[in-house]
């Protein structure tokens, strides 16, 4: 009887060890693990930055569209004309900045 109890204890210890190893491995790695969590956080951060950039670009395009369609803003058209064709008044220096 003593031998059977020793073998059962070793089985329980080995099963417990593998169960513990399995749980730790799944907590750190895998689809829902800690490493995957940090990767998804980085992806989320990049997507939020891209969203804010695209929102700013959309607002700029909407503003330009509004200036060109609803009422013709002659000052804005003059600015566009001067930038596109590098046209200026006599003795006027034109600088292009981005």
PDB file of N, CA and C in Angstrom:
ATOM      1  N   UNK A   1       0.806  -1.195   0.000  1.00  0.00           N
ATOM      2  CA  UNK A   1       0.000   0.000   0.000  1.00  0.00           C
ATOM      3  C   UNK A   1       0.849   1.259   0.000  1.00  0.00           C
ATOM      4  N   UNK A   2       1.964   1.212   0.599  1.00  0.00           N
ATOM      5  CA  UNK A   2       2.822   2.385   0.660  1.00  0.00           C
ATOM      6  C   UNK A   2       3.311   2.805  -0.707  1.00  0.00           C
ATOM      7  N   UNK A   3       3.597   1.840  -1.571  1.00  0.00           N
ATOM      8  CA  UNK A   3       4.091   2.128  -2.914  1.00  0.00           C
ATOM      9  C   UNK A   3       3.016   2.794  -3.763  1.00  0.00           C
ATOM     10  N   UNK A   4       1.791   2.363  -3.633  1.00  0.00           N
ATOM     11  CA  UNK A   4       0.680   2.937  -4.407  1.00  0.00           C
ATOM     12  C   UNK A   4       0.430   4.381  -3.981  1.00  0.00           C
ATOM     13  N   UNK A   5       0.527   4.668  -2.712  1.00  0.00           N
ATOM     14  CA  UNK A   5       0.325   6.032  -2.227  1.00  0.00           C
ATOM     15  C   UNK A   5       1.429   6.951  -2.732  1.00  0.00           C
ATOM     16  N   UNK A   6       2.653   6.471  -2.776  1.00  0.00           N
ATOM     17  CA  UNK A   6       3.766   7.280  -3.279  1.00  0.00           C
ATOM     18  C   UNK A   6       3.567   7.584  -4.757  1.00  0.00           C
ATOM     19  N   UNK A   7       3.153   6.594  -5.532  1.00  0.00           N
ATOM     20  CA  UNK A   7       2.911   6.793  -6.970  1.00  0.00           C
ATOM     21  C   UNK A   7       1.760   7.773  -7.179  1.00  0.00           C
ATOM     22  N   UNK A   8       0.702   7.679  -6.396  1.00  0.00           N
ATOM     23  CA  UNK A   8      -0.437   8.596  -6.516  1.00  0.00           C
ATOM     24  C   UNK A   8      -0.023  10.027  -6.179  1.00  0.00           C
ATOM     25  N   UNK A   9       0.810  10.187  -5.168  1.00  0.00           N
ATOM     26  CA  UNK A   9       1.295  11.527  -4.812  1.00  0.00           C
ATOM     27  C   UNK A   9       2.132  12.114  -5.934  1.00  0.00           C
ATOM     28  N   UNK A  10       2.987  11.292  -6.546  1.00  0.00           N
ATOM     29  CA  UNK A  10       3.809  11.780  -7.657  1.00  0.00           C
ATOM     30  C   UNK A  10       2.935  12.152  -8.855  1.00  0.00           C
ATOM     31  N   UNK A  11       1.888  11.360  -9.099  1.00  0.00           N
ATOM     32  CA  UNK A  11       0.972  11.680 -10.201  1.00  0.00           C
ATOM     33  C   UNK A  11       0.292  13.023  -9.951  1.00  0.00           C
ATOM     34  N   UNK A  12      -0.149  13.224  -8.737  1.00  0.00           N
ATOM     35  CA  UNK A  12      -0.815  14.483  -8.394  1.00  0.00           C
ATOM     36  C   UNK A  12       0.158  15.650  -8.539  1.00  0.00           C
ATOM     37  N   UNK A  13       1.389  15.455  -8.114  1.00  0.00           N
ATOM     38  CA  UNK A  13       2.400  16.504  -8.238  1.00  0.00           C
ATOM     39  C   UNK A  13       2.690  16.812  -9.701  1.00  0.00           C
ATOM     40  N   UNK A  14       2.852  15.796 -10.513  1.00  0.00           N
ATOM     41  CA  UNK A  14       3.144  15.993 -11.938  1.00  0.00           C
ATOM     42  C   UNK A  14       1.955  16.650 -12.639  1.00  0.00           C
ATOM     43  N   UNK A  15       0.750  16.184 -12.349  1.00  0.00           N
ATOM     44  CA  UNK A  15      -0.447  16.781 -12.954  1.00  0.00           C
ATOM     45  C   UNK A  15      -0.585  18.239 -12.512  1.00  0.00           C
ATOM     46  N   UNK A  16      -0.335  18.502 -11.253  1.00  0.00           N
ATOM     47  CA  UNK A  16      -0.388  19.879 -10.744  1.00  0.00           C
ATOM     48  C   UNK A  16       0.640  20.769 -11.415  1.00  0.00           C
ATOM     49  N   UNK A  17       1.851  20.237 -11.612  1.00  0.00           N
ATOM     50  CA  UNK A  17       2.897  21.011 -12.275  1.00  0.00           C
ATOM     51  C   UNK A  17       2.497  21.356 -13.703  1.00  0.00           C
ATOM     52  N   UNK A  18       2.009  20.374 -14.466  1.00  0.00           N
ATOM     53  CA  UNK A  18       1.620  20.632 -15.856  1.00  0.00           C
ATOM     54  C   UNK A  18       0.413  21.571 -15.939  1.00  0.00           C
ATOM     55  N   UNK A  19      -0.502  21.449 -15.014  1.00  0.00           N
ATOM     56  CA  UNK A  19      -1.649  22.348 -14.985  1.00  0.00           C
ATOM     57  C   UNK A  19      -1.198  23.786 -14.708  1.00  0.00           C
ATOM     58  N   UNK A  20      -0.302  23.950 -13.746  1.00  0.00           N
ATOM     59  CA  UNK A  20       0.245  25.267 -13.431  1.00  0.00           C
ATOM     60  C   UNK A  20       0.996  25.837 -14.629  1.00  0.00           C
ATOM     61  N   UNK A  21       1.803  25.016 -15.292  1.00  0.00           N
ATOM     62  CA  UNK A  21       2.557  25.438 -16.479  1.00  0.00           C
ATOM     63  C   UNK A  21       1.603  25.862 -17.595  1.00  0.00           C
ATOM     64  N   UNK A  22       0.536  25.118 -17.799  1.00  0.00           N
ATOM     65  CA  UNK A  22      -0.456  25.421 -18.832  1.00  0.00           C
ATOM     66  C   UNK A  22      -1.134  26.767 -18.561  1.00  0.00           C
ATOM     67  N   UNK A  23      -1.499  26.998 -17.317  1.00  0.00           N
ATOM     68  CA  UNK A  23      -2.169  28.254 -16.959  1.00  0.00           C
ATOM     69  C   UNK A  23      -1.233  29.442 -17.157  1.00  0.00           C
ATOM     70  N   UNK A  24       0.000  29.331 -16.697  1.00  0.00           N
ATOM     71  CA  UNK A  24       0.973  30.418 -16.857  1.00  0.00           C
ATOM     72  C   UNK A  24       1.244  30.684 -18.328  1.00  0.00           C
ATOM     73  N   UNK A  25       1.406  29.645 -19.112  1.00  0.00           N
ATOM     74  CA  UNK A  25       1.665  29.800 -20.544  1.00  0.00           C
ATOM     75  C   UNK A  25       0.506  30.514 -21.236  1.00  0.00           C
ATOM     76  N   UNK A  26      -0.709  30.168 -20.896  1.00  0.00           N
ATOM     77  CA  UNK A  26      -1.867  30.812 -21.515  1.00  0.00           C
ATOM     78  C   UNK A  26      -2.070  32.239 -21.030  1.00  0.00           C
ATOM     79  N   UNK A  27      -1.656  32.540 -19.815  1.00  0.00           N
ATOM     80  CA  UNK A  27      -1.765  33.919 -19.341  1.00  0.00           C
ATOM     81  C   UNK A  27      -0.788  34.836 -20.067  1.00  0.00           C
ATOM     82  N   UNK A  28       0.394  34.333 -20.359  1.00  0.00           N
ATOM     83  CA  UNK A  28       1.406  35.167 -20.995  1.00  0.00           C
ATOM     84  C   UNK A  28       1.304  35.170 -22.507  1.00  0.00           C
ATOM     85  N   UNK A  29       1.008  34.038 -23.089  1.00  0.00           N
ATOM     86  CA  UNK A  29       1.001  33.908 -24.539  1.00  0.00           C
ATOM     87  C   UNK A  29      -0.391  33.485 -24.987  1.00  0.00           C
ATOM     88  N   UNK A  30      -0.617  33.520 -26.261  1.00  0.00           N
ATOM     89  CA  UNK A  30      -1.913  33.098 -26.783  1.00  0.00           C
ATOM     90  C   UNK A  30      -2.713  34.294 -27.265  1.00  0.00           C
ATOM     91  N   UNK A  31      -3.896  34.018 -27.727  1.00  0.00           N
ATOM     92  CA  UNK A  31      -4.750  35.064 -28.297  1.00  0.00           C
ATOM     93  C   UNK A  31      -5.186  36.082 -27.242  1.00  0.00           C
ATOM     94  N   UNK A  32      -5.407  35.635 -26.021  1.00  0.00           N
ATOM     95  CA  UNK A  32      -5.853  36.534 -24.963  1.00  0.00           C
ATOM     96  C   UNK A  32      -4.790  36.716 -23.884  1.00  0.00           C
ATOM     97  N   UNK A  33      -3.544  36.484 -24.222  1.00  0.00           N
ATOM     98  CA  UNK A  33      -2.471  36.569 -23.249  1.00  0.00           C
ATOM     99  C   UNK A  33      -1.971  37.992 -23.047  1.00  0.00           C
ATOM    100  N   UNK A  34      -1.023  38.123 -22.159  1.00  0.00           N
ATOM    101  CA  UNK A  34      -0.471  39.424 -21.807  1.00  0.00           C
ATOM    102  C   UNK A  34       0.288  40.045 -22.968  1.00  0.00           C
ATOM    103  N   UNK A  35       1.057  39.256 -23.693  1.00  0.00           N
ATOM    104  CA  UNK A  35       1.817  39.768 -24.838  1.00  0.00           C
ATOM    105  C   UNK A  35       0.861  40.257 -25.918  1.00  0.00           C
ATOM    106  N   UNK A  36      -0.162  39.496 -26.193  1.00  0.00           N
ATOM    107  CA  UNK A  36      -1.163  39.885 -27.189  1.00  0.00           C
ATOM    108  C   UNK A  36      -1.893  41.150 -26.749  1.00  0.00           C
ATOM    109  N   UNK A  37      -2.126  41.305 -25.471  1.00  0.00           N
ATOM    110  CA  UNK A  37      -2.784  42.502 -24.945  1.00  0.00           C
ATOM    111  C   UNK A  37      -1.969  43.748 -25.259  1.00  0.00           C
ATOM    112  N   UNK A  38      -0.663  43.702 -25.013  1.00  0.00           N
ATOM    113  CA  UNK A  38       0.179  44.864 -25.285  1.00  0.00           C
ATOM    114  C   UNK A  38       0.288  45.142 -26.784  1.00  0.00           C
ATOM    115  N   UNK A  39       0.311  44.100 -27.595  1.00  0.00           N
ATOM    116  CA  UNK A  39       0.328  44.307 -29.042  1.00  0.00           C
ATOM    117  C   UNK A  39      -0.957  44.988 -29.497  1.00  0.00           C
ATOM    118  N   UNK A  40      -2.069  44.573 -28.949  1.00  0.00           N
ATOM    119  CA  UNK A  40      -3.349  45.176 -29.320  1.00  0.00           C
ATOM    120  C   UNK A  40      -3.452  46.612 -28.816  1.00  0.00           C
ATOM    121  N   UNK A  41      -2.854  46.900 -27.682  1.00  0.00           N
ATOM    122  CA  UNK A  41      -2.842  48.276 -27.194  1.00  0.00           C
ATOM    123  C   UNK A  41      -2.047  49.178 -28.139  1.00  0.00           C
ATOM    124  N   UNK A  42      -0.909  48.685 -28.648  1.00  0.00           N
ATOM    125  CA  UNK A  42      -0.119  49.459 -29.601  1.00  0.00           C
ATOM    126  C   UNK A  42      -0.891  49.692 -30.892  1.00  0.00           C
ATOM    127  N   UNK A  43      -1.581  48.683 -31.364  1.00  0.00           N
ATOM    128  CA  UNK A  43      -2.387  48.826 -32.582  1.00  0.00           C
ATOM    129  C   UNK A  43      -3.499  49.847 -32.354  1.00  0.00           C
ATOM    130  N   UNK A  44      -4.124  49.793 -31.193  1.00  0.00           N
ATOM    131  CA  UNK A  44      -5.195  50.739 -30.875  1.00  0.00           C
ATOM    132  C   UNK A  44      -4.664  52.168 -30.841  1.00  0.00           C
ATOM    133  N   UNK A  45      -3.492  52.356 -30.256  1.00  0.00           N
ATOM    134  CA  UNK A  45      -2.890  53.687 -30.174  1.00  0.00           C
ATOM    135  C   UNK A  45      -2.599  54.230 -31.575  1.00  0.00           C
ATOM    136  N   UNK A  46      -2.038  53.393 -32.448  1.00  0.00           N
ATOM    137  CA  UNK A  46      -1.744  53.824 -33.816  1.00  0.00           C
ATOM    138  C   UNK A  46      -3.018  54.170 -34.574  1.00  0.00           C
ATOM    139  N   UNK A  47      -4.057  53.377 -34.382  1.00  0.00           N
ATOM    140  CA  UNK A  47      -5.318  53.642 -35.069  1.00  0.00           C
ATOM    141  C   UNK A  47      -5.967  54.937 -34.577  1.00  0.00           C
ATOM    142  N   UNK A  48      -5.853  55.222 -33.286  1.00  0.00           N
ATOM    143  CA  UNK A  48      -6.396  56.477 -32.767  1.00  0.00           C
ATOM    144  C   UNK A  48      -5.635  57.677 -33.313  1.00  0.00           C
ATOM    145  N   UNK A  49      -4.305  57.553 -33.440  1.00  0.00           N
ATOM    146  CA  UNK A  49      -3.514  58.633 -34.023  1.00  0.00           C
ATOM    147  C   UNK A  49      -3.891  58.845 -35.486  1.00  0.00           C
ATOM    148  N   UNK A  50      -4.068  57.748 -36.210  1.00  0.00           N
ATOM    149  CA  UNK A  50      -4.456  57.850 -37.614  1.00  0.00           C
ATOM    150  C   UNK A  50      -5.851  58.462 -37.746  1.00  0.00           C
ATOM    151  N   UNK A  51      -6.739  58.110 -36.828  1.00  0.00           N
ATOM    152  CA  UNK A  51      -8.091  58.668 -36.859  1.00  0.00           C
ATOM    153  C   UNK A  51      -8.057  60.173 -36.640  1.00  0.00           C
ATOM    154  N   UNK A  52      -7.268  60.637 -35.680  1.00  0.00           N
ATOM    155  CA  UNK A  52      -7.192  62.075 -35.427  1.00  0.00           C
ATOM    156  C   UNK A  52      -6.578  62.805 -36.616  1.00  0.00           C
ATOM    157  N   UNK A  53      -5.565  62.209 -37.244  1.00  0.00           N
ATOM    158  CA  UNK A  53      -4.955  62.819 -38.427  1.00  0.00           C
ATOM    159  C   UNK A  53      -5.966  62.918 -39.562  1.00  0.00           C
ATOM    160  N   UNK A  54      -6.706  61.837 -39.801  1.00  0.00           N
ATOM    161  CA  UNK A  54      -7.695  61.843 -40.877  1.00  0.00           C
ATOM    162  C   UNK A  54      -8.848  62.798 -40.580  1.00  0.00           C
ATOM    163  N   UNK A  55      -9.205  62.948 -39.313  1.00  0.00           N
ATOM    164  CA  UNK A  55     -10.251  63.896 -38.944  1.00  0.00           C
ATOM    165  C   UNK A  55      -9.811  65.320 -39.243  1.00  0.00           C
ATOM    166  N   UNK A  56      -8.554  65.633 -38.937  1.00  0.00           N
ATOM    167  CA  UNK A  56      -8.025  66.963 -39.247  1.00  0.00           C
ATOM    168  C   UNK A  56      -7.998  67.202 -40.751  1.00  0.00           C
ATOM    169  N   UNK A  57      -7.585  66.202 -41.504  1.00  0.00           N
ATOM    170  CA  UNK A  57      -7.547  66.336 -42.959  1.00  0.00           C
ATOM    171  C   UNK A  57      -8.957  66.528 -43.521  1.00  0.00           C
ATOM    172  N   UNK A  58      -9.912  65.810 -42.989  1.00  0.00           N
ATOM    173  CA  UNK A  58     -11.292  65.940 -43.443  1.00  0.00           C
ATOM    174  C   UNK A  58     -11.827  67.340 -43.155  1.00  0.00           C
ATOM    175  N   UNK A  59     -11.528  67.865 -41.979  1.00  0.00           N
ATOM    176  CA  UNK A  59     -11.972  69.218 -41.641  1.00  0.00           C
ATOM    177  C   UNK A  59     -11.359  70.239 -42.597  1.00  0.00           C
ATOM    178  N   UNK A  60     -10.099  70.058 -42.943  1.00  0.00           N
ATOM    179  CA  UNK A  60      -9.433  70.971 -43.867  1.00  0.00           C
ATOM    180  C   UNK A  60     -10.068  70.902 -45.249  1.00  0.00           C
ATOM    181  N   UNK A  61     -10.345  69.707 -45.718  1.00  0.00           N
ATOM    182  CA  UNK A  61     -10.970  69.545 -47.037  1.00  0.00           C
ATOM    183  C   UNK A  61     -12.382  70.125 -47.032  1.00  0.00           C
ATOM    184  N   UNK A  62     -13.124  69.904 -45.960  1.00  0.00           N
ATOM    185  CA  UNK A  62     -14.472  70.464 -45.875  1.00  0.00           C
ATOM    186  C   UNK A  62     -14.437  71.983 -45.872  1.00  0.00           C
ATOM    187  N   UNK A  63     -13.455  72.561 -45.190  1.00  0.00           N
ATOM    188  CA  UNK A  63     -13.326  74.019 -45.166  1.00  0.00           C
ATOM    189  C   UNK A  63     -13.021  74.545 -46.563  1.00  0.00           C
ATOM    190  N   UNK A  64     -12.097  73.902 -47.265  1.00  0.00           N
ATOM    191  CA  UNK A  64     -11.777  74.333 -48.626  1.00  0.00           C
ATOM    192  C   UNK A  64     -12.987  74.176 -49.538  1.00  0.00           C
ATOM    193  N   UNK A  65     -13.707  73.096 -49.385  1.00  0.00           N
ATOM    194  CA  UNK A  65     -14.897  72.864 -50.199  1.00  0.00           C
ATOM    195  C   UNK A  65     -15.958  73.926 -49.931  1.00  0.00           C
ATOM    196  N   UNK A  66     -16.127  74.271 -48.669  1.00  0.00           N
ATOM    197  CA  UNK A  66     -17.103  75.295 -48.307  1.00  0.00           C
ATOM    198  C   UNK A  66     -16.723  76.643 -48.908  1.00  0.00           C
ATOM    199  N   UNK A  67     -15.450  76.967 -48.874  1.00  0.00           N
ATOM    200  CA  UNK A  67     -15.011  78.249 -49.424  1.00  0.00           C
ATOM    201  C   UNK A  67     -15.188  78.303 -50.937  1.00  0.00           C
ATOM    202  N   UNK A  68     -15.101  77.189 -51.597  1.00  0.00           N
ATOM    203  CA  UNK A  68     -15.199  77.189 -53.055  1.00  0.00           C
ATOM    204  C   UNK A  68     -16.625  77.021 -53.571  1.00  0.00           C
ATOM    205  N   UNK A  69     -17.523  76.434 -52.814  1.00  0.00           N
ATOM    206  CA  UNK A  69     -18.828  76.107 -53.375  1.00  0.00           C
ATOM    207  C   UNK A  69     -19.937  77.071 -52.971  1.00  0.00           C
ATOM    208  N   UNK A  70     -20.127  77.332 -51.707  1.00  0.00           N
ATOM    209  CA  UNK A  70     -21.284  78.108 -51.270  1.00  0.00           C
ATOM    210  C   UNK A  70     -21.225  79.554 -51.758  1.00  0.00           C
ATOM    211  N   UNK A  71     -20.173  80.199 -51.477  1.00  0.00           N
ATOM    212  CA  UNK A  71     -20.000  81.572 -51.932  1.00  0.00           C
ATOM    213  C   UNK A  71     -18.560  81.689 -52.394  1.00  0.00           C
ATOM    214  N   UNK A  72     -18.371  82.264 -53.502  1.00  0.00           N
ATOM    215  CA  UNK A  72     -17.020  82.352 -54.049  1.00  0.00           C
ATOM    216  C   UNK A  72     -16.247  83.393 -53.245  1.00  0.00           C
ATOM    217  N   UNK A  73     -15.229  82.927 -52.572  1.00  0.00           N
ATOM    218  CA  UNK A  73     -14.371  83.800 -51.783  1.00  0.00           C
ATOM    219  C   UNK A  73     -13.210  84.223 -52.670  1.00  0.00           C
ATOM    220  N   UNK A  74     -13.249  85.458 -53.121  1.00  0.00           N
ATOM    221  CA  UNK A  74     -12.242  85.935 -54.067  1.00  0.00           C
ATOM    222  C   UNK A  74     -10.845  85.967 -53.449  1.00  0.00           C
ATOM    223  N   UNK A  75     -10.772  86.269 -52.173  1.00  0.00           N
ATOM    224  CA  UNK A  75      -9.458  86.287 -51.523  1.00  0.00           C
ATOM    225  C   UNK A  75      -8.838  84.890 -51.516  1.00  0.00           C
ATOM    226  N   UNK A  76      -9.645  83.892 -51.217  1.00  0.00           N
ATOM    227  CA  UNK A  76      -9.131  82.521 -51.204  1.00  0.00           C
ATOM    228  C   UNK A  76      -8.741  82.072 -52.610  1.00  0.00           C
ATOM    229  N   UNK A  77      -9.539  82.436 -53.599  1.00  0.00           N
ATOM    230  CA  UNK A  77      -9.192  82.099 -54.982  1.00  0.00           C
ATOM    231  C   UNK A  77      -7.886  82.765 -55.399  1.00  0.00           C
ATOM    232  N   UNK A  78      -7.684  83.994 -54.944  1.00  0.00           N
ATOM    233  CA  UNK A  78      -6.435  84.693 -55.258  1.00  0.00           C
ATOM    234  C   UNK A  78      -5.241  83.981 -54.617  1.00  0.00           C
ATOM    235  N   UNK A  79      -5.412  83.525 -53.397  1.00  0.00           N
ATOM    236  CA  UNK A  79      -4.334  82.790 -52.719  1.00  0.00           C
ATOM    237  C   UNK A  79      -4.018  81.506 -53.474  1.00  0.00           C
ATOM    238  N   UNK A  80      -5.057  80.772 -53.874  1.00  0.00           N
ATOM    239  CA  UNK A  80      -4.835  79.540 -54.637  1.00  0.00           C
ATOM    240  C   UNK A  80      -4.144  79.827 -55.964  1.00  0.00           C
ATOM    241  N   UNK A  81      -4.575  80.869 -56.648  1.00  0.00           N
ATOM    242  CA  UNK A  81      -3.992  81.237 -57.935  1.00  0.00           C
ATOM    243  C   UNK A  81      -2.513  81.592 -57.775  1.00  0.00           C
ATOM    244  N   UNK A  82      -2.201  82.359 -56.759  1.00  0.00           N
ATOM    245  CA  UNK A  82      -0.806  82.762 -56.531  1.00  0.00           C
ATOM    246  C   UNK A  82       0.065  81.551 -56.170  1.00  0.00           C
ATOM    247  N   UNK A  83      -0.460  80.622 -55.374  1.00  0.00           N
ATOM    248  CA  UNK A  83       0.330  79.447 -54.997  1.00  0.00           C
ATOM    249  C   UNK A  83       0.549  78.505 -56.177  1.00  0.00           C
ATOM    250  N   UNK A  84      -0.483  78.269 -56.956  1.00  0.00           N
ATOM    251  CA  UNK A  84      -0.373  77.301 -58.053  1.00  0.00           C
ATOM    252  C   UNK A  84       0.489  77.808 -59.199  1.00  0.00           C
ATOM    253  N   UNK A  85       0.319  79.080 -59.549  1.00  0.00           N
ATOM    254  CA  UNK A  85       0.999  79.600 -60.732  1.00  0.00           C
ATOM    255  C   UNK A  85       2.187  80.494 -60.408  1.00  0.00           C
ATOM    256  N   UNK A  86       2.510  80.605 -59.119  1.00  0.00           N
ATOM    257  CA  UNK A  86       3.638  81.446 -58.684  1.00  0.00           C
ATOM    258  C   UNK A  86       3.513  82.840 -59.298  1.00  0.00           C
ATOM    259  N   UNK A  87       2.330  83.371 -59.210  1.00  0.00           N
ATOM    260  CA  UNK A  87       2.028  84.664 -59.796  1.00  0.00           C
ATOM    261  C   UNK A  87       2.017  85.705 -58.694  1.00  0.00           C
ATOM    262  N   UNK A  88       2.585  86.861 -58.966  1.00  0.00           N
ATOM    263  CA  UNK A  88       2.607  87.911 -57.977  1.00  0.00           C
ATOM    264  C   UNK A  88       2.557  89.273 -58.623  1.00  0.00           C
ATOM    265  N   UNK A  89       2.463  90.267 -57.805  1.00  0.00           N
ATOM    266  CA  UNK A  89       2.460  91.643 -58.276  1.00  0.00           C
ATOM    267  C   UNK A  89       3.890  92.041 -58.615  1.00  0.00           C
ATOM    268  N   UNK A  90       4.079  93.105 -59.374  1.00  0.00           N
ATOM    269  CA  UNK A  90       5.448  93.558 -59.663  1.00  0.00           C
ATOM    270  C   UNK A  90       6.202  93.877 -58.364  1.00  0.00           C
ATOM    271  N   UNK A  91       7.473  93.523 -58.325  1.00  0.00           N
ATOM    272  CA  UNK A  91       8.365  93.733 -57.169  1.00  0.00           C
ATOM    273  C   UNK A  91       7.892  92.989 -55.914  1.00  0.00           C
ATOM    274  N   UNK A  92       7.116  91.953 -56.085  1.00  0.00           N
ATOM    275  CA  UNK A  92       6.656  91.165 -54.947  1.00  0.00           C
ATOM    276  C   UNK A  92       7.424  89.848 -54.919  1.00  0.00           C
ATOM    277  N   UNK A  93       7.956  89.514 -53.755  1.00  0.00           N
ATOM    278  CA  UNK A  93       8.673  88.251 -53.597  1.00  0.00           C
ATOM    279  C   UNK A  93       7.691  87.207 -53.079  1.00  0.00           C
ATOM    280  N   UNK A  94       7.712  86.054 -53.713  1.00  0.00           N
ATOM    281  CA  UNK A  94       6.789  84.991 -53.344  1.00  0.00           C
ATOM    282  C   UNK A  94       7.571  83.883 -52.648  1.00  0.00           C
ATOM    283  N   UNK A  95       7.113  83.525 -51.458  1.00  0.00           N
ATOM    284  CA  UNK A  95       7.719  82.441 -50.695  1.00  0.00           C
ATOM    285  C   UNK A  95       6.664  81.363 -50.508  1.00  0.00           C
ATOM    286  N   UNK A  96       7.069  80.151 -50.741  1.00  0.00           N
ATOM    287  CA  UNK A  96       6.152  79.032 -50.546  1.00  0.00           C
ATOM    288  C   UNK A  96       6.590  78.268 -49.302  1.00  0.00           C
ATOM    289  N   UNK A  97       5.675  78.119 -48.366  1.00  0.00           N
ATOM    290  CA  UNK A  97       5.993  77.380 -47.138  1.00  0.00           C
ATOM    291  C   UNK A  97       4.999  76.247 -46.982  1.00  0.00           C
ATOM    292  N   UNK A  98       5.476  75.185 -46.389  1.00  0.00           N
ATOM    293  CA  UNK A  98       4.603  74.020 -46.170  1.00  0.00           C
ATOM    294  C   UNK A  98       4.376  73.821 -44.716  1.00  0.00           C
TER     295      UNK A  98
END
